[in-house]
Amino acid sequence: MLHELISERTQHLSAAGETVLLPSQRFPWIVLVVDEWAEVAAGGSKKERELANDLLRRYVSLGRAVGCTAVLCTQRPTSDVIDVGTRTLLNDRFALRCGDRHQAEAILSAGTFESKDLIGTAVGRALWSDGGPARSLQFYSVRDFTIDQLSCAGFRPEI
């Protein structure tokens, strides 16, 4: 179904003569969120795992220009969990507390951060990279009752 949406959006771009689809009422951004990708990558037969990886790689590579992106979460960011080709296609990367430098490098890539900035840091501390050097971030806990009071870039969800 997600690949069908990408195809529809790509056809729209082609007909409009555009190269990037901006979010709109007709074409809102779509975010595929997978909590614990390692479970998907490890489950099923070898053929099923290869199919899941292939579908993810196609979604990530084709979806960016048409407002479709993915957030993959895992506690084990290794090459056997997410293949290097797909990982390379994921521009934005967040690394929360990591057990060691190797885990952080698997997420952010070697040379984009300093170990002291990430490993063993406080709760909610993270590094974010959009392909370049990593930048420090702080995530905060937001309670359910405060969500309707928040505003993100002038957007206020209808409740």
C-alpha atoms as a PDB file:
ATOM      1  CA  MET A   1       0.000   0.000   0.000  1.00  0.00           C
ATOM      2  CA  LEU A   2       2.810   2.458   0.822  1.00  0.00           C
ATOM      3  CA  HIS A   3       4.483   1.772  -2.506  1.00  0.00           C
ATOM      4  CA  GLU A   4       1.163   2.475  -4.252  1.00  0.00           C
ATOM      5  CA  LEU A   5       1.011   5.862  -2.501  1.00  0.00           C
ATOM      6  CA  ILE A   6       4.549   6.627  -3.650  1.00  0.00           C
ATOM      7  CA  SER A   7       3.611   5.677  -7.207  1.00  0.00           C
ATOM      8  CA  GLU A   8       0.517   7.924  -7.128  1.00  0.00           C
ATOM      9  CA  ARG A   9       2.562  10.822  -5.795  1.00  0.00           C
ATOM     10  CA  THR A  10       5.312  10.261  -8.359  1.00  0.00           C
ATOM     11  CA  GLN A  11       2.737  10.325 -11.168  1.00  0.00           C
ATOM     12  CA  HIS A  12       1.356  13.585  -9.763  1.00  0.00           C
ATOM     13  CA  LEU A  13       4.846  15.114  -9.765  1.00  0.00           C
ATOM     14  CA  SER A  14       5.457  13.982 -13.311  1.00  0.00           C
ATOM     15  CA  ALA A  15       2.152  15.429 -14.539  1.00  0.00           C
ATOM     16  CA  ALA A  16       2.837  18.723 -12.721  1.00  0.00           C
ATOM     17  CA  GLY A  17       6.415  18.908 -14.004  1.00  0.00           C
ATOM     18  CA  GLU A  18       7.765  19.161 -10.459  1.00  0.00           C
ATOM     19  CA  THR A  19      10.651  17.336  -8.753  1.00  0.00           C
ATOM     20  CA  VAL A  20       9.670  17.569  -5.074  1.00  0.00           C
ATOM     21  CA  LEU A  21       6.233  17.174  -3.555  1.00  0.00           C
ATOM     22  CA  LEU A  22       5.552  19.558  -0.682  1.00  0.00           C
ATOM     23  CA  PRO A  23       3.086  18.462   2.011  1.00  0.00           C
ATOM     24  CA  SER A  24      -0.489  19.543   1.420  1.00  0.00           C
ATOM     25  CA  GLN A  25      -4.053  18.612   2.348  1.00  0.00           C
ATOM     26  CA  ARG A  26      -4.129  16.180  -0.583  1.00  0.00           C
ATOM     27  CA  PHE A  27      -0.616  14.826  -0.018  1.00  0.00           C
ATOM     28  CA  PRO A  28       0.292  15.000   3.679  1.00  0.00           C
ATOM     29  CA  TRP A  29       3.648  13.682   4.819  1.00  0.00           C
ATOM     30  CA  ILE A  30       3.628   9.989   5.553  1.00  0.00           C
ATOM     31  CA  VAL A  31       5.967   8.606   8.190  1.00  0.00           C
ATOM     32  CA  LEU A  32       6.482   4.872   8.516  1.00  0.00           C
ATOM     33  CA  VAL A  33       7.474   4.211  12.132  1.00  0.00           C
ATOM     34  CA  VAL A  34       8.882   0.809  13.036  1.00  0.00           C
ATOM     35  CA  ASP A  35       9.672   0.217  16.674  1.00  0.00           C
ATOM     36  CA  GLU A  36      12.380  -2.405  17.040  1.00  0.00           C
ATOM     37  CA  TRP A  37      13.309  -3.004  13.411  1.00  0.00           C
ATOM     38  CA  ALA A  38      15.621  -5.784  14.635  1.00  0.00           C
ATOM     39  CA  GLU A  39      12.548  -7.938  15.315  1.00  0.00           C
ATOM     40  CA  VAL A  40      11.325  -7.466  11.749  1.00  0.00           C
ATOM     41  CA  ALA A  41      14.799  -8.087  10.351  1.00  0.00           C
ATOM     42  CA  ALA A  42      15.239 -11.271  12.401  1.00  0.00           C
ATOM     43  CA  GLY A  43      11.759 -12.763  12.055  1.00  0.00           C
ATOM     44  CA  GLY A  44      10.450 -15.228   9.493  1.00  0.00           C
ATOM     45  CA  SER A  45      12.291 -17.177   6.872  1.00  0.00           C
ATOM     46  CA  LYS A  46      15.325 -15.892   4.993  1.00  0.00           C
ATOM     47  CA  LYS A  47      13.091 -15.130   2.002  1.00  0.00           C
ATOM     48  CA  GLU A  48      10.665 -13.133   4.199  1.00  0.00           C
ATOM     49  CA  ARG A  49      13.507 -11.153   5.786  1.00  0.00           C
ATOM     50  CA  GLU A  50      14.947 -10.353   2.347  1.00  0.00           C
ATOM     51  CA  LEU A  51      11.501  -9.218   1.175  1.00  0.00           C
ATOM     52  CA  ALA A  52      11.076  -6.957   4.238  1.00  0.00           C
ATOM     53  CA  ASN A  53      14.517  -5.415   3.653  1.00  0.00           C
ATOM     54  CA  ASP A  54      13.817  -4.951  -0.058  1.00  0.00           C
ATOM     55  CA  LEU A  55      10.450  -3.269   0.597  1.00  0.00           C
ATOM     56  CA  LEU A  56      12.004  -0.975   3.194  1.00  0.00           C
ATOM     57  CA  ARG A  57      14.904  -0.028   0.885  1.00  0.00           C
ATOM     58  CA  ARG A  58      12.480   0.764  -1.964  1.00  0.00           C
ATOM     59  CA  TYR A  59      10.227   2.805   0.321  1.00  0.00           C
ATOM     60  CA  VAL A  60      13.137   4.816   1.719  1.00  0.00           C
ATOM     61  CA  SER A  61      14.809   5.419  -1.642  1.00  0.00           C
ATOM     62  CA  LEU A  62      11.671   6.372  -3.581  1.00  0.00           C
ATOM     63  CA  GLY A  63       9.690   8.090  -0.857  1.00  0.00           C
ATOM     64  CA  ARG A  64      11.926  11.022   0.038  1.00  0.00           C
ATOM     65  CA  ALA A  65      10.980  13.214  -2.943  1.00  0.00           C
ATOM     66  CA  VAL A  66       7.255  12.579  -2.454  1.00  0.00           C
ATOM     67  CA  GLY A  67       6.894  13.233   1.269  1.00  0.00           C
ATOM     68  CA  CYS A  68       7.251   9.665   2.529  1.00  0.00           C
ATOM     69  CA  THR A  69       9.889   8.907   5.125  1.00  0.00           C
ATOM     70  CA  ALA A  70      10.717   6.275   7.718  1.00  0.00           C
ATOM     71  CA  VAL A  71      11.719   6.203  11.364  1.00  0.00           C
ATOM     72  CA  LEU A  72      13.408   2.955  12.298  1.00  0.00           C
ATOM     73  CA  CYS A  73      14.148   2.238  15.929  1.00  0.00           C
ATOM     74  CA  THR A  74      16.393  -0.486  17.225  1.00  0.00           C
ATOM     75  CA  GLN A  75      18.472  -1.272  20.254  1.00  0.00           C
ATOM     76  CA  ARG A  76      21.014  -3.092  18.101  1.00  0.00           C
ATOM     77  CA  PRO A  77      22.171  -0.846  15.238  1.00  0.00           C
ATOM     78  CA  THR A  78      24.336  -3.412  13.472  1.00  0.00           C
ATOM     79  CA  SER A  79      24.705  -4.342   9.813  1.00  0.00           C
ATOM     80  CA  ASP A  80      22.848  -7.615  10.363  1.00  0.00           C
ATOM     81  CA  VAL A  81      19.834  -5.634  11.639  1.00  0.00           C
ATOM     82  CA  ILE A  82      19.695  -3.052   8.845  1.00  0.00           C
ATOM     83  CA  ASP A  83      21.721  -3.473   5.717  1.00  0.00           C
ATOM     84  CA  VAL A  84      24.281  -0.801   4.929  1.00  0.00           C
ATOM     85  CA  GLY A  85      22.617   0.221   1.638  1.00  0.00           C
ATOM     86  CA  THR A  86      19.315   1.018   3.322  1.00  0.00           C
ATOM     87  CA  ARG A  87      20.997   2.703   6.269  1.00  0.00           C
ATOM     88  CA  THR A  88      22.864   4.966   3.843  1.00  0.00           C
ATOM     89  CA  LEU A  89      19.542   6.115   2.374  1.00  0.00           C
ATOM     90  CA  LEU A  90      18.295   7.283   5.775  1.00  0.00           C
ATOM     91  CA  ASN A  91      19.473  10.892   5.864  1.00  0.00           C
ATOM     92  CA  ASP A  92      18.350  11.892   9.328  1.00  0.00           C
ATOM     93  CA  ARG A  93      19.750   9.805  12.165  1.00  0.00           C
ATOM     94  CA  PHE A  94      19.276  10.086  15.910  1.00  0.00           C
ATOM     95  CA  ALA A  95      21.501   8.275  18.355  1.00  0.00           C
ATOM     96  CA  LEU A  96      20.370   8.133  21.956  1.00  0.00           C
ATOM     97  CA  ARG A  97      22.532   6.707  24.727  1.00  0.00           C
ATOM     98  CA  CYS A  98      24.744   4.037  23.211  1.00  0.00           C
ATOM     99  CA  GLY A  99      26.681   1.353  24.996  1.00  0.00           C
ATOM    100  CA  ASP A 100      29.866   1.976  23.057  1.00  0.00           C
ATOM    101  CA  ARG A 101      31.446   3.880  20.188  1.00  0.00           C
ATOM    102  CA  HIS A 102      30.692   1.076  17.696  1.00  0.00           C
ATOM    103  CA  GLN A 103      26.934   1.305  18.256  1.00  0.00           C
ATOM    104  CA  ALA A 104      27.009   5.070  17.802  1.00  0.00           C
ATOM    105  CA  GLU A 105      29.102   4.737  14.624  1.00  0.00           C
ATOM    106  CA  ALA A 106      26.621   2.227  13.218  1.00  0.00           C
ATOM    107  CA  ILE A 107      23.944   4.896  13.500  1.00  0.00           C
ATOM    108  CA  LEU A 108      25.776   8.145  12.789  1.00  0.00           C
ATOM    109  CA  SER A 109      28.800   6.937  10.776  1.00  0.00           C
ATOM    110  CA  ALA A 110      32.408   7.130  11.901  1.00  0.00           C
ATOM    111  CA  GLY A 111      33.948  10.561  12.198  1.00  0.00           C
ATOM    112  CA  THR A 112      30.680  12.498  12.528  1.00  0.00           C
ATOM    113  CA  PHE A 113      30.720  12.790  16.332  1.00  0.00           C
ATOM    114  CA  GLU A 114      32.927  12.622  19.389  1.00  0.00           C
ATOM    115  CA  SER A 115      32.340   9.684  21.734  1.00  0.00           C
ATOM    116  CA  LYS A 116      32.278  11.901  24.809  1.00  0.00           C
ATOM    117  CA  ASP A 117      29.175  13.657  23.409  1.00  0.00           C
ATOM    118  CA  LEU A 118      27.026  10.533  23.375  1.00  0.00           C
ATOM    119  CA  ILE A 119      28.150   7.495  25.285  1.00  0.00           C
ATOM    120  CA  GLY A 120      26.750   7.344  28.804  1.00  0.00           C
ATOM    121  CA  THR A 121      25.084  10.762  28.605  1.00  0.00           C
ATOM    122  CA  ALA A 122      22.010  11.930  30.496  1.00  0.00           C
ATOM    123  CA  VAL A 123      18.481  10.755  29.764  1.00  0.00           C
ATOM    124  CA  GLY A 124      17.070  12.427  26.686  1.00  0.00           C
ATOM    125  CA  ARG A 125      20.471  13.446  25.328  1.00  0.00           C
ATOM    126  CA  ALA A 126      21.014  12.559  21.698  1.00  0.00           C
ATOM    127  CA  LEU A 127      23.014  13.351  18.613  1.00  0.00           C
ATOM    128  CA  TRP A 128      21.348  14.103  15.298  1.00  0.00           C
ATOM    129  CA  SER A 129      22.947  13.986  11.893  1.00  0.00           C
ATOM    130  CA  ASP A 130      21.429  14.863   8.540  1.00  0.00           C
ATOM    131  CA  GLY A 131      24.424  13.474   6.711  1.00  0.00           C
ATOM    132  CA  GLY A 132      26.968  15.906   8.064  1.00  0.00           C
ATOM    133  CA  PRO A 133      28.560  16.356  11.477  1.00  0.00           C
ATOM    134  CA  ALA A 134      26.312  15.331  14.374  1.00  0.00           C
ATOM    135  CA  ARG A 135      24.738  17.994  16.560  1.00  0.00           C
ATOM    136  CA  SER A 136      23.672  17.622  20.179  1.00  0.00           C
ATOM    137  CA  LEU A 137      19.968  17.547  21.054  1.00  0.00           C
ATOM    138  CA  GLN A 138      17.969  17.222  24.229  1.00  0.00           C
ATOM    139  CA  PHE A 139      14.624  15.403  24.202  1.00  0.00           C
ATOM    140  CA  TYR A 140      12.132  16.155  26.950  1.00  0.00           C
ATOM    141  CA  SER A 141       9.328  14.096  28.375  1.00  0.00           C
ATOM    142  CA  VAL A 142       5.926  15.462  27.426  1.00  0.00           C
ATOM    143  CA  ARG A 143       2.885  14.320  29.347  1.00  0.00           C
ATOM    144  CA  ASP A 144      -0.340  13.536  27.496  1.00  0.00           C
ATOM    145  CA  PHE A 145      -2.331  16.390  29.084  1.00  0.00           C
ATOM    146  CA  THR A 146       0.148  18.999  27.775  1.00  0.00           C
ATOM    147  CA  ILE A 147       0.143  17.903  24.129  1.00  0.00           C
ATOM    148  CA  ASP A 148      -2.823  20.065  23.108  1.00  0.00           C
ATOM    149  CA  GLN A 149      -0.973  23.104  24.524  1.00  0.00           C
ATOM    150  CA  LEU A 150       2.023  22.582  22.234  1.00  0.00           C
ATOM    151  CA  SER A 151       2.483  24.187  18.875  1.00  0.00           C
ATOM    152  CA  CYS A 152       4.977  22.978  16.288  1.00  0.00           C
ATOM    153  CA  ALA A 153       6.086  25.542  13.692  1.00  0.00           C
ATOM    154  CA  GLY A 154       2.713  27.257  13.810  1.00  0.00           C
ATOM    155  CA  PHE A 155       0.780  24.022  13.246  1.00  0.00           C
ATOM    156  CA  ARG A 156      -1.893  23.177  15.775  1.00  0.00           C
ATOM    157  CA  PRO A 157      -3.620  19.805  15.320  1.00  0.00           C
ATOM    158  CA  GLU A 158      -7.397  19.743  15.285  1.00  0.00           C
ATOM    159  CA  ILE A 159      -8.788  17.866  18.270  1.00  0.00           C
END
